[in-house]
Amino acid sequence: VSTQSTGDGWAMINVDRCEHVQFSPKLVASLMRDCSRYDLWWPATYDFTVETCTPQCSGSVIHFRSLLGNYSTAIEAADEKGLHMRYYGDLLHGNLTWIIKPRSDGSCDLCYDGSIQPMTFAARAAASVSTKEYLGSYFDPLIDSLQAELACNHSHERIGDVHVAKVEPAPASTSQK
């Protein structure tokens, strides 16, 4: 994570971070490209609305609301290797690419790489305190939720040993007639 100055005086934050996901790249890409299911597995801490959801996700738009401001994310490209997004709105501007990097054991790393420009004083103040923690606060819950969703619905496809809180389904109620 680094910063660079832009012509308008607002610092651009360069982001490059990866986390290991113990599922196949194909399964991770499939879940990430299915915007119709975002509300089922994205973290509850995200206040968002999927405004436009297209097949395979390219062209989809997600709007986010926060105490610091609002922004939208347009998914400009999506394939088995990741998603390329453009951020715009009151809070953030920039581009970010989620990259799915296969590993030799069949699992993958999920990385994001890009440049984001905080557009409000509050967002810049939060970013200036600790850029890595500020951006990690957005990235970590999403990775944790993705891992939990995959572990819950695809546990038999897990590669290696990962410690993810698995949500057990509620026991089926039995009614006596």
N, C-alpha and C. Protein backbone atom coordinates (compact mmCIF):
# COMPACT_ATOMS: atom_id res chain seq x y z
N VAL A 1 0.85 -1.17 0.00
CA VAL A 1 0.00 0.00 0.00
C VAL A 1 0.90 1.23 0.00
N SER A 2 0.64 2.15 -0.92
CA SER A 2 1.41 3.39 -0.96
C SER A 2 0.49 4.51 -1.42
N THR A 3 0.97 5.74 -1.32
CA THR A 3 0.18 6.87 -1.77
C THR A 3 0.97 7.66 -2.78
N GLN A 4 0.24 8.38 -3.64
CA GLN A 4 0.88 9.28 -4.59
C GLN A 4 -0.01 10.49 -4.74
N SER A 5 0.59 11.64 -4.99
CA SER A 5 -0.17 12.86 -5.13
C SER A 5 -0.75 12.95 -6.54
N THR A 6 -1.95 13.52 -6.64
CA THR A 6 -2.56 13.74 -7.94
C THR A 6 -2.60 15.23 -8.20
N GLY A 7 -2.91 15.61 -9.41
CA GLY A 7 -2.92 17.02 -9.80
C GLY A 7 -3.90 17.86 -9.00
N ASP A 8 -4.97 17.26 -8.48
CA ASP A 8 -5.96 18.03 -7.74
C ASP A 8 -5.66 18.08 -6.25
N GLY A 9 -4.50 17.56 -5.81
CA GLY A 9 -4.11 17.64 -4.42
C GLY A 9 -4.63 16.52 -3.54
N TRP A 10 -5.47 15.64 -4.07
CA TRP A 10 -6.00 14.52 -3.32
C TRP A 10 -5.08 13.33 -3.51
N ALA A 11 -4.67 12.71 -2.44
CA ALA A 11 -3.75 11.58 -2.52
C ALA A 11 -4.46 10.34 -3.07
N MET A 12 -3.79 9.68 -4.00
CA MET A 12 -4.26 8.42 -4.54
C MET A 12 -3.62 7.31 -3.72
N ILE A 13 -4.40 6.33 -3.28
CA ILE A 13 -3.87 5.24 -2.47
C ILE A 13 -3.73 4.02 -3.37
N ASN A 14 -2.50 3.52 -3.48
CA ASN A 14 -2.26 2.31 -4.27
C ASN A 14 -2.38 1.11 -3.36
N VAL A 15 -3.14 0.14 -3.81
CA VAL A 15 -3.47 -1.03 -3.00
C VAL A 15 -2.97 -2.29 -3.69
N ASP A 16 -2.36 -3.16 -2.90
CA ASP A 16 -1.92 -4.46 -3.41
C ASP A 16 -1.91 -5.41 -2.22
N ARG A 17 -2.88 -6.31 -2.17
CA ARG A 17 -3.01 -7.20 -1.02
C ARG A 17 -3.58 -8.54 -1.47
N CYS A 18 -3.13 -9.63 -0.84
CA CYS A 18 -3.60 -10.97 -1.17
C CYS A 18 -3.93 -11.76 0.08
N GLU A 19 -4.89 -12.67 -0.05
CA GLU A 19 -5.23 -13.61 1.01
C GLU A 19 -5.43 -14.98 0.37
N HIS A 20 -5.04 -16.01 1.09
CA HIS A 20 -5.22 -17.37 0.61
C HIS A 20 -6.66 -17.82 0.81
N VAL A 21 -7.25 -18.41 -0.22
CA VAL A 21 -8.60 -18.95 -0.16
C VAL A 21 -8.47 -20.44 -0.47
N GLN A 22 -8.97 -21.29 0.41
CA GLN A 22 -8.72 -22.72 0.27
C GLN A 22 -9.81 -23.43 -0.51
N PHE A 23 -10.16 -22.82 -1.64
CA PHE A 23 -11.09 -23.40 -2.59
C PHE A 23 -10.54 -23.15 -3.98
N SER A 24 -11.07 -23.85 -4.96
CA SER A 24 -10.56 -23.75 -6.32
C SER A 24 -10.84 -22.37 -6.92
N PRO A 25 -9.96 -21.92 -7.81
CA PRO A 25 -10.19 -20.65 -8.48
C PRO A 25 -11.54 -20.62 -9.21
N LYS A 26 -11.95 -21.74 -9.79
CA LYS A 26 -13.22 -21.81 -10.51
C LYS A 26 -14.40 -21.54 -9.57
N LEU A 27 -14.37 -22.13 -8.39
CA LEU A 27 -15.44 -21.95 -7.42
C LEU A 27 -15.46 -20.51 -6.89
N VAL A 28 -14.29 -19.95 -6.60
CA VAL A 28 -14.19 -18.57 -6.12
C VAL A 28 -14.71 -17.61 -7.19
N ALA A 29 -14.30 -17.80 -8.44
CA ALA A 29 -14.75 -16.93 -9.53
C ALA A 29 -16.26 -17.03 -9.72
N SER A 30 -16.79 -18.23 -9.62
CA SER A 30 -18.22 -18.42 -9.79
C SER A 30 -19.00 -17.65 -8.73
N LEU A 31 -18.57 -17.71 -7.49
CA LEU A 31 -19.25 -17.00 -6.41
C LEU A 31 -19.11 -15.49 -6.57
N MET A 32 -17.92 -15.03 -6.91
CA MET A 32 -17.68 -13.59 -7.06
C MET A 32 -18.44 -12.98 -8.24
N ARG A 33 -18.66 -13.77 -9.29
CA ARG A 33 -19.36 -13.24 -10.47
C ARG A 33 -20.88 -13.34 -10.36
N ASP A 34 -21.40 -13.91 -9.29
CA ASP A 34 -22.84 -14.06 -9.13
C ASP A 34 -23.39 -12.96 -8.23
N CYS A 35 -23.61 -11.78 -8.82
CA CYS A 35 -24.05 -10.62 -8.04
C CYS A 35 -25.46 -10.82 -7.49
N SER A 36 -26.22 -11.76 -8.01
CA SER A 36 -27.56 -12.01 -7.48
C SER A 36 -27.50 -12.64 -6.09
N ARG A 37 -26.32 -13.14 -5.68
CA ARG A 37 -26.16 -13.77 -4.37
C ARG A 37 -25.36 -12.91 -3.38
N TYR A 38 -24.93 -11.73 -3.79
CA TYR A 38 -24.13 -10.90 -2.88
C TYR A 38 -24.83 -10.67 -1.55
N ASP A 39 -26.12 -10.42 -1.57
CA ASP A 39 -26.83 -10.14 -0.32
C ASP A 39 -26.88 -11.37 0.59
N LEU A 40 -26.59 -12.55 0.08
CA LEU A 40 -26.59 -13.76 0.90
C LEU A 40 -25.27 -14.00 1.63
N TRP A 41 -24.16 -13.48 1.08
CA TRP A 41 -22.89 -13.79 1.72
C TRP A 41 -22.00 -12.59 2.01
N TRP A 42 -22.28 -11.43 1.46
CA TRP A 42 -21.44 -10.28 1.79
C TRP A 42 -21.65 -9.93 3.26
N PRO A 43 -20.62 -9.36 3.90
CA PRO A 43 -20.70 -9.04 5.33
C PRO A 43 -21.87 -8.10 5.65
N ALA A 44 -22.47 -8.34 6.81
CA ALA A 44 -23.58 -7.50 7.25
C ALA A 44 -23.12 -6.06 7.50
N THR A 45 -21.82 -5.86 7.68
CA THR A 45 -21.31 -4.51 7.93
C THR A 45 -21.35 -3.65 6.68
N TYR A 46 -21.51 -4.26 5.50
CA TYR A 46 -21.61 -3.50 4.26
C TYR A 46 -23.06 -3.06 4.07
N ASP A 47 -23.29 -1.78 3.95
CA ASP A 47 -24.62 -1.25 3.66
C ASP A 47 -24.63 -0.99 2.16
N PHE A 48 -25.19 -1.91 1.40
CA PHE A 48 -25.11 -1.83 -0.06
C PHE A 48 -26.43 -2.23 -0.71
N THR A 49 -26.56 -1.83 -1.96
CA THR A 49 -27.68 -2.23 -2.81
C THR A 49 -27.10 -2.59 -4.16
N VAL A 50 -27.46 -3.76 -4.67
CA VAL A 50 -27.08 -4.12 -6.04
C VAL A 50 -28.10 -3.42 -6.94
N GLU A 51 -27.64 -2.37 -7.63
CA GLU A 51 -28.55 -1.58 -8.47
C GLU A 51 -28.78 -2.24 -9.82
N THR A 52 -27.75 -2.83 -10.38
CA THR A 52 -27.83 -3.53 -11.65
C THR A 52 -27.05 -4.82 -11.53
N CYS A 53 -27.68 -5.93 -11.85
CA CYS A 53 -27.00 -7.22 -11.79
C CYS A 53 -27.13 -7.88 -13.16
N THR A 54 -26.00 -8.13 -13.80
CA THR A 54 -26.01 -8.73 -15.13
C THR A 54 -25.46 -10.16 -15.05
N PRO A 55 -25.80 -10.99 -16.03
CA PRO A 55 -25.22 -12.34 -16.05
C PRO A 55 -23.69 -12.24 -16.09
N GLN A 56 -23.03 -13.04 -15.31
CA GLN A 56 -21.58 -13.08 -15.19
C GLN A 56 -20.99 -11.79 -14.63
N CYS A 57 -21.84 -10.84 -14.19
CA CYS A 57 -21.45 -9.69 -13.37
C CYS A 57 -20.92 -8.48 -14.14
N SER A 58 -20.33 -8.64 -15.31
CA SER A 58 -19.79 -7.50 -16.04
C SER A 58 -20.92 -6.53 -16.39
N GLY A 59 -20.76 -5.26 -16.01
CA GLY A 59 -21.80 -4.26 -16.21
C GLY A 59 -22.67 -4.05 -14.98
N SER A 60 -22.46 -4.83 -13.94
CA SER A 60 -23.24 -4.68 -12.71
C SER A 60 -22.78 -3.44 -11.95
N VAL A 61 -23.70 -2.88 -11.14
CA VAL A 61 -23.40 -1.70 -10.34
C VAL A 61 -23.89 -1.95 -8.92
N ILE A 62 -23.02 -1.71 -7.95
CA ILE A 62 -23.35 -1.85 -6.54
C ILE A 62 -23.15 -0.48 -5.88
N HIS A 63 -24.14 -0.04 -5.10
CA HIS A 63 -24.07 1.25 -4.42
C HIS A 63 -23.85 1.00 -2.93
N PHE A 64 -22.86 1.68 -2.34
CA PHE A 64 -22.51 1.54 -0.93
C PHE A 64 -22.81 2.83 -0.18
N ARG A 65 -23.29 2.67 1.06
CA ARG A 65 -23.54 3.80 1.95
C ARG A 65 -22.72 3.60 3.21
N SER A 66 -22.13 4.68 3.72
CA SER A 66 -21.38 4.60 4.97
C SER A 66 -21.50 5.92 5.71
N LEU A 67 -21.02 5.93 6.94
CA LEU A 67 -21.04 7.16 7.72
C LEU A 67 -20.15 8.23 7.09
N LEU A 68 -19.13 7.80 6.35
CA LEU A 68 -18.20 8.76 5.74
C LEU A 68 -18.69 9.28 4.39
N GLY A 69 -19.66 8.63 3.78
CA GLY A 69 -20.16 9.05 2.47
C GLY A 69 -20.63 7.84 1.66
N ASN A 70 -21.02 8.11 0.43
CA ASN A 70 -21.53 7.07 -0.47
C ASN A 70 -20.64 6.93 -1.69
N TYR A 71 -20.68 5.74 -2.28
CA TYR A 71 -19.98 5.52 -3.54
C TYR A 71 -20.60 4.33 -4.24
N SER A 72 -20.32 4.23 -5.52
CA SER A 72 -20.80 3.10 -6.31
C SER A 72 -19.61 2.39 -6.93
N THR A 73 -19.82 1.13 -7.22
CA THR A 73 -18.82 0.31 -7.87
C THR A 73 -19.42 -0.25 -9.14
N ALA A 74 -18.82 0.05 -10.26
CA ALA A 74 -19.24 -0.52 -11.54
C ALA A 74 -18.27 -1.63 -11.88
N ILE A 75 -18.79 -2.84 -12.09
CA ILE A 75 -17.94 -3.96 -12.47
C ILE A 75 -17.82 -3.92 -13.98
N GLU A 76 -16.63 -3.56 -14.45
CA GLU A 76 -16.41 -3.34 -15.88
C GLU A 76 -16.02 -4.60 -16.62
N ALA A 77 -15.44 -5.56 -15.93
CA ALA A 77 -15.06 -6.82 -16.56
C ALA A 77 -15.05 -7.90 -15.48
N ALA A 78 -15.48 -9.09 -15.87
CA ALA A 78 -15.48 -10.22 -14.94
C ALA A 78 -15.25 -11.50 -15.72
N ASP A 79 -14.32 -12.30 -15.24
CA ASP A 79 -14.07 -13.60 -15.85
C ASP A 79 -13.52 -14.54 -14.80
N GLU A 80 -13.02 -15.69 -15.22
CA GLU A 80 -12.52 -16.68 -14.27
C GLU A 80 -11.24 -16.23 -13.58
N LYS A 81 -10.64 -15.14 -14.02
CA LYS A 81 -9.42 -14.65 -13.39
C LYS A 81 -9.66 -13.51 -12.42
N GLY A 82 -10.90 -12.97 -12.38
CA GLY A 82 -11.19 -11.92 -11.43
C GLY A 82 -12.19 -10.90 -11.93
N LEU A 83 -12.25 -9.77 -11.22
CA LEU A 83 -13.17 -8.67 -11.52
C LEU A 83 -12.39 -7.37 -11.61
N HIS A 84 -12.74 -6.54 -12.59
CA HIS A 84 -12.17 -5.19 -12.66
C HIS A 84 -13.29 -4.20 -12.38
N MET A 85 -13.07 -3.31 -11.39
CA MET A 85 -14.11 -2.40 -10.95
C MET A 85 -13.65 -0.95 -10.99
N ARG A 86 -14.62 -0.08 -11.19
CA ARG A 86 -14.39 1.36 -11.13
C ARG A 86 -15.24 1.92 -9.99
N TYR A 87 -14.61 2.69 -9.10
CA TYR A 87 -15.29 3.31 -7.96
C TYR A 87 -15.57 4.78 -8.31
N TYR A 88 -16.77 5.25 -7.95
CA TYR A 88 -17.12 6.65 -8.16
C TYR A 88 -18.18 7.06 -7.15
N GLY A 89 -18.27 8.35 -6.89
CA GLY A 89 -19.27 8.86 -5.94
C GLY A 89 -18.66 9.83 -4.97
N ASP A 90 -19.41 10.11 -3.89
CA ASP A 90 -18.99 11.10 -2.90
C ASP A 90 -17.74 10.70 -2.14
N LEU A 91 -17.58 9.41 -1.84
CA LEU A 91 -16.54 8.94 -0.93
C LEU A 91 -15.25 8.53 -1.63
N LEU A 92 -15.36 7.75 -2.71
CA LEU A 92 -14.18 7.18 -3.37
C LEU A 92 -14.25 7.32 -4.88
N HIS A 93 -13.08 7.45 -5.48
CA HIS A 93 -12.90 7.34 -6.93
C HIS A 93 -11.74 6.38 -7.14
N GLY A 94 -11.71 5.71 -8.25
CA GLY A 94 -10.55 4.87 -8.55
C GLY A 94 -10.90 3.60 -9.27
N ASN A 95 -9.89 2.75 -9.41
CA ASN A 95 -10.02 1.46 -10.08
C ASN A 95 -9.40 0.40 -9.20
N LEU A 96 -10.02 -0.76 -9.21
CA LEU A 96 -9.53 -1.88 -8.42
C LEU A 96 -9.80 -3.16 -9.18
N THR A 97 -8.84 -4.07 -9.14
CA THR A 97 -9.01 -5.36 -9.77
C THR A 97 -8.85 -6.45 -8.73
N TRP A 98 -9.86 -7.32 -8.61
CA TRP A 98 -9.76 -8.53 -7.80
C TRP A 98 -9.16 -9.58 -8.71
N ILE A 99 -8.07 -10.17 -8.29
CA ILE A 99 -7.35 -11.15 -9.11
C ILE A 99 -7.36 -12.49 -8.39
N ILE A 100 -7.77 -13.52 -9.10
CA ILE A 100 -7.77 -14.88 -8.56
C ILE A 100 -6.53 -15.57 -9.10
N LYS A 101 -5.59 -15.89 -8.20
CA LYS A 101 -4.32 -16.49 -8.60
C LYS A 101 -4.29 -17.96 -8.16
N PRO A 102 -4.32 -18.89 -9.14
CA PRO A 102 -4.28 -20.32 -8.80
C PRO A 102 -2.97 -20.70 -8.10
N ARG A 103 -3.07 -21.65 -7.18
CA ARG A 103 -1.91 -22.21 -6.51
C ARG A 103 -1.72 -23.65 -7.00
N SER A 104 -0.53 -24.17 -6.82
CA SER A 104 -0.21 -25.51 -7.30
C SER A 104 -1.03 -26.60 -6.60
N ASP A 105 -1.53 -26.33 -5.38
CA ASP A 105 -2.31 -27.34 -4.66
C ASP A 105 -3.79 -27.35 -5.07
N GLY A 106 -4.18 -26.47 -6.01
CA GLY A 106 -5.56 -26.41 -6.46
C GLY A 106 -6.37 -25.31 -5.81
N SER A 107 -5.85 -24.70 -4.74
CA SER A 107 -6.53 -23.57 -4.10
C SER A 107 -6.12 -22.29 -4.84
N CYS A 108 -6.37 -21.14 -4.22
CA CYS A 108 -5.98 -19.89 -4.89
C CYS A 108 -5.72 -18.78 -3.88
N ASP A 109 -5.11 -17.73 -4.36
CA ASP A 109 -4.98 -16.49 -3.62
C ASP A 109 -5.96 -15.51 -4.25
N LEU A 110 -6.65 -14.74 -3.43
CA LEU A 110 -7.53 -13.69 -3.91
C LEU A 110 -6.85 -12.38 -3.56
N CYS A 111 -6.53 -11.62 -4.58
CA CYS A 111 -5.77 -10.38 -4.40
C CYS A 111 -6.57 -9.20 -4.94
N TYR A 112 -6.31 -8.04 -4.40
CA TYR A 112 -6.82 -6.85 -5.05
C TYR A 112 -5.66 -5.90 -5.29
N ASP A 113 -5.76 -5.20 -6.40
CA ASP A 113 -4.70 -4.33 -6.87
C ASP A 113 -5.36 -3.13 -7.54
N GLY A 114 -4.96 -1.93 -7.16
CA GLY A 114 -5.53 -0.76 -7.80
C GLY A 114 -5.17 0.52 -7.10
N SER A 115 -5.86 1.57 -7.49
CA SER A 115 -5.65 2.90 -6.93
C SER A 115 -7.00 3.49 -6.56
N ILE A 116 -7.09 3.96 -5.32
CA ILE A 116 -8.33 4.54 -4.82
C ILE A 116 -8.03 5.93 -4.28
N GLN A 117 -8.92 6.85 -4.56
CA GLN A 117 -8.75 8.23 -4.11
C GLN A 117 -9.90 8.60 -3.18
N PRO A 118 -9.63 8.77 -1.87
CA PRO A 118 -10.68 9.23 -0.96
C PRO A 118 -11.10 10.65 -1.35
N MET A 119 -12.41 10.90 -1.40
CA MET A 119 -12.91 12.18 -1.90
C MET A 119 -13.48 13.09 -0.82
N THR A 120 -13.49 12.65 0.42
CA THR A 120 -13.99 13.51 1.50
C THR A 120 -12.88 13.70 2.53
N PHE A 121 -12.99 14.74 3.31
CA PHE A 121 -11.99 14.97 4.35
C PHE A 121 -11.99 13.83 5.36
N ALA A 122 -13.17 13.33 5.73
CA ALA A 122 -13.25 12.23 6.70
C ALA A 122 -12.59 10.97 6.15
N ALA A 123 -12.83 10.66 4.89
CA ALA A 123 -12.22 9.47 4.28
C ALA A 123 -10.70 9.63 4.19
N ARG A 124 -10.23 10.83 3.85
CA ARG A 124 -8.78 11.05 3.79
C ARG A 124 -8.16 10.99 5.17
N ALA A 125 -8.86 11.50 6.17
CA ALA A 125 -8.34 11.44 7.54
C ALA A 125 -8.24 9.99 7.99
N ALA A 126 -9.27 9.19 7.71
CA ALA A 126 -9.24 7.77 8.07
C ALA A 126 -8.11 7.06 7.34
N ALA A 127 -7.93 7.37 6.07
CA ALA A 127 -6.88 6.72 5.28
C ALA A 127 -5.50 7.15 5.74
N SER A 128 -5.35 8.40 6.18
CA SER A 128 -4.03 8.89 6.56
C SER A 128 -3.57 8.32 7.90
N VAL A 129 -4.52 7.92 8.76
CA VAL A 129 -4.15 7.33 10.04
C VAL A 129 -3.38 6.04 9.81
N SER A 130 -3.91 5.18 9.00
CA SER A 130 -3.24 3.93 8.66
C SER A 130 -3.88 3.37 7.40
N THR A 131 -3.26 3.63 6.28
CA THR A 131 -3.82 3.23 5.00
C THR A 131 -4.07 1.74 4.94
N LYS A 132 -3.13 0.92 5.42
CA LYS A 132 -3.30 -0.53 5.33
C LYS A 132 -4.51 -0.99 6.15
N GLU A 133 -4.64 -0.51 7.38
CA GLU A 133 -5.76 -0.91 8.21
C GLU A 133 -7.08 -0.37 7.67
N TYR A 134 -7.07 0.86 7.15
CA TYR A 134 -8.27 1.47 6.58
C TYR A 134 -8.81 0.61 5.43
N LEU A 135 -7.96 0.24 4.51
CA LEU A 135 -8.40 -0.56 3.38
C LEU A 135 -8.63 -2.01 3.79
N GLY A 136 -7.83 -2.51 4.72
CA GLY A 136 -8.03 -3.87 5.21
C GLY A 136 -9.38 -4.04 5.87
N SER A 137 -9.89 -2.96 6.46
CA SER A 137 -11.20 -3.05 7.11
C SER A 137 -12.30 -3.33 6.10
N TYR A 138 -12.08 -3.02 4.83
CA TYR A 138 -13.04 -3.35 3.78
C TYR A 138 -12.77 -4.73 3.19
N PHE A 139 -11.51 -5.07 3.06
CA PHE A 139 -11.11 -6.31 2.41
C PHE A 139 -11.33 -7.53 3.30
N ASP A 140 -10.89 -7.47 4.55
CA ASP A 140 -10.92 -8.64 5.43
C ASP A 140 -12.32 -9.22 5.65
N PRO A 141 -13.34 -8.40 5.94
CA PRO A 141 -14.67 -8.99 6.13
C PRO A 141 -15.20 -9.68 4.87
N LEU A 142 -14.86 -9.15 3.70
CA LEU A 142 -15.32 -9.76 2.45
C LEU A 142 -14.66 -11.11 2.24
N ILE A 143 -13.35 -11.20 2.49
CA ILE A 143 -12.64 -12.47 2.36
C ILE A 143 -13.18 -13.48 3.38
N ASP A 144 -13.37 -13.03 4.63
CA ASP A 144 -13.90 -13.92 5.66
C ASP A 144 -15.28 -14.44 5.28
N SER A 145 -16.14 -13.57 4.74
CA SER A 145 -17.48 -13.98 4.34
C SER A 145 -17.44 -14.92 3.15
N LEU A 146 -16.56 -14.66 2.20
CA LEU A 146 -16.42 -15.55 1.05
C LEU A 146 -15.97 -16.94 1.51
N GLN A 147 -14.97 -16.98 2.39
CA GLN A 147 -14.50 -18.27 2.92
C GLN A 147 -15.63 -19.00 3.66
N ALA A 148 -16.39 -18.27 4.47
CA ALA A 148 -17.47 -18.89 5.24
C ALA A 148 -18.57 -19.42 4.31
N GLU A 149 -18.93 -18.66 3.30
CA GLU A 149 -19.96 -19.10 2.34
C GLU A 149 -19.50 -20.36 1.62
N LEU A 150 -18.26 -20.37 1.18
CA LEU A 150 -17.75 -21.56 0.49
C LEU A 150 -17.66 -22.74 1.44
N ALA A 151 -17.23 -22.51 2.67
CA ALA A 151 -17.12 -23.60 3.64
C ALA A 151 -18.49 -24.17 3.98
N CYS A 152 -19.49 -23.31 4.04
CA CYS A 152 -20.84 -23.74 4.40
C CYS A 152 -21.49 -24.54 3.27
N ASN A 153 -21.33 -24.08 2.05
CA ASN A 153 -22.04 -24.69 0.92
C ASN A 153 -21.19 -25.60 0.05
N HIS A 154 -19.88 -25.58 0.24
CA HIS A 154 -18.99 -26.38 -0.60
C HIS A 154 -17.88 -27.01 0.24
N SER A 155 -18.16 -27.38 1.48
CA SER A 155 -17.12 -27.88 2.38
C SER A 155 -16.39 -29.09 1.81
N HIS A 156 -17.09 -29.90 1.02
CA HIS A 156 -16.46 -31.08 0.43
C HIS A 156 -15.44 -30.72 -0.64
N GLU A 157 -15.44 -29.45 -1.09
CA GLU A 157 -14.49 -29.02 -2.12
C GLU A 157 -13.32 -28.22 -1.55
N ARG A 158 -13.23 -28.14 -0.22
CA ARG A 158 -12.15 -27.38 0.43
C ARG A 158 -10.82 -28.04 0.15
N ILE A 159 -9.80 -27.23 -0.03
CA ILE A 159 -8.45 -27.71 -0.29
C ILE A 159 -7.59 -27.33 0.90
N GLY A 160 -7.05 -28.30 1.61
CA GLY A 160 -6.22 -28.02 2.78
C GLY A 160 -7.09 -27.79 4.00
N ASP A 161 -6.45 -27.32 5.05
CA ASP A 161 -7.12 -27.10 6.33
C ASP A 161 -7.25 -25.61 6.57
N VAL A 162 -8.46 -25.15 6.72
CA VAL A 162 -8.70 -23.73 6.99
C VAL A 162 -9.66 -23.65 8.18
N HIS A 163 -9.45 -22.66 9.01
CA HIS A 163 -10.31 -22.47 10.18
C HIS A 163 -11.31 -21.37 9.86
N VAL A 164 -12.50 -21.80 9.47
CA VAL A 164 -13.57 -20.88 9.12
C VAL A 164 -14.78 -21.24 9.97
N ALA A 165 -15.41 -20.24 10.52
CA ALA A 165 -16.62 -20.50 11.31
C ALA A 165 -17.71 -20.99 10.37
N LYS A 166 -18.07 -22.25 10.52
CA LYS A 166 -19.09 -22.83 9.66
C LYS A 166 -20.45 -22.64 10.29
N VAL A 167 -21.36 -22.14 9.51
CA VAL A 167 -22.72 -21.94 9.98
C VAL A 167 -23.50 -23.22 9.70
N GLU A 168 -23.94 -23.84 10.76
CA GLU A 168 -24.71 -25.08 10.61
C GLU A 168 -26.16 -24.73 10.32
N PRO A 169 -26.81 -25.47 9.42
CA PRO A 169 -28.23 -25.21 9.17
C PRO A 169 -29.05 -25.55 10.41
N ALA A 170 -30.16 -24.85 10.56
CA ALA A 170 -31.05 -25.11 11.69
C ALA A 170 -31.65 -26.51 11.53
N PRO A 171 -31.82 -27.23 12.63
CA PRO A 171 -32.41 -28.57 12.51
C PRO A 171 -33.82 -28.46 11.94
N ALA A 172 -34.16 -29.41 11.10
CA ALA A 172 -35.49 -29.40 10.51
C ALA A 172 -36.52 -29.68 11.59
N SER A 173 -37.56 -28.92 11.56
CA SER A 173 -38.61 -29.14 12.56
C SER A 173 -39.46 -30.32 12.12
N THR A 174 -39.83 -31.09 13.07
CA THR A 174 -40.68 -32.23 12.75
C THR A 174 -42.05 -31.97 13.35
N SER A 175 -43.02 -32.04 12.52
CA SER A 175 -44.37 -31.84 13.04
C SER A 175 -45.05 -33.20 13.12
N GLN A 176 -45.79 -33.39 14.17
CA GLN A 176 -46.49 -34.64 14.35
C GLN A 176 -47.93 -34.47 13.90
N LYS A 177 -48.39 -35.41 13.15
CA LYS A 177 -49.76 -35.33 12.65
C LYS A 177 -50.57 -36.43 13.25
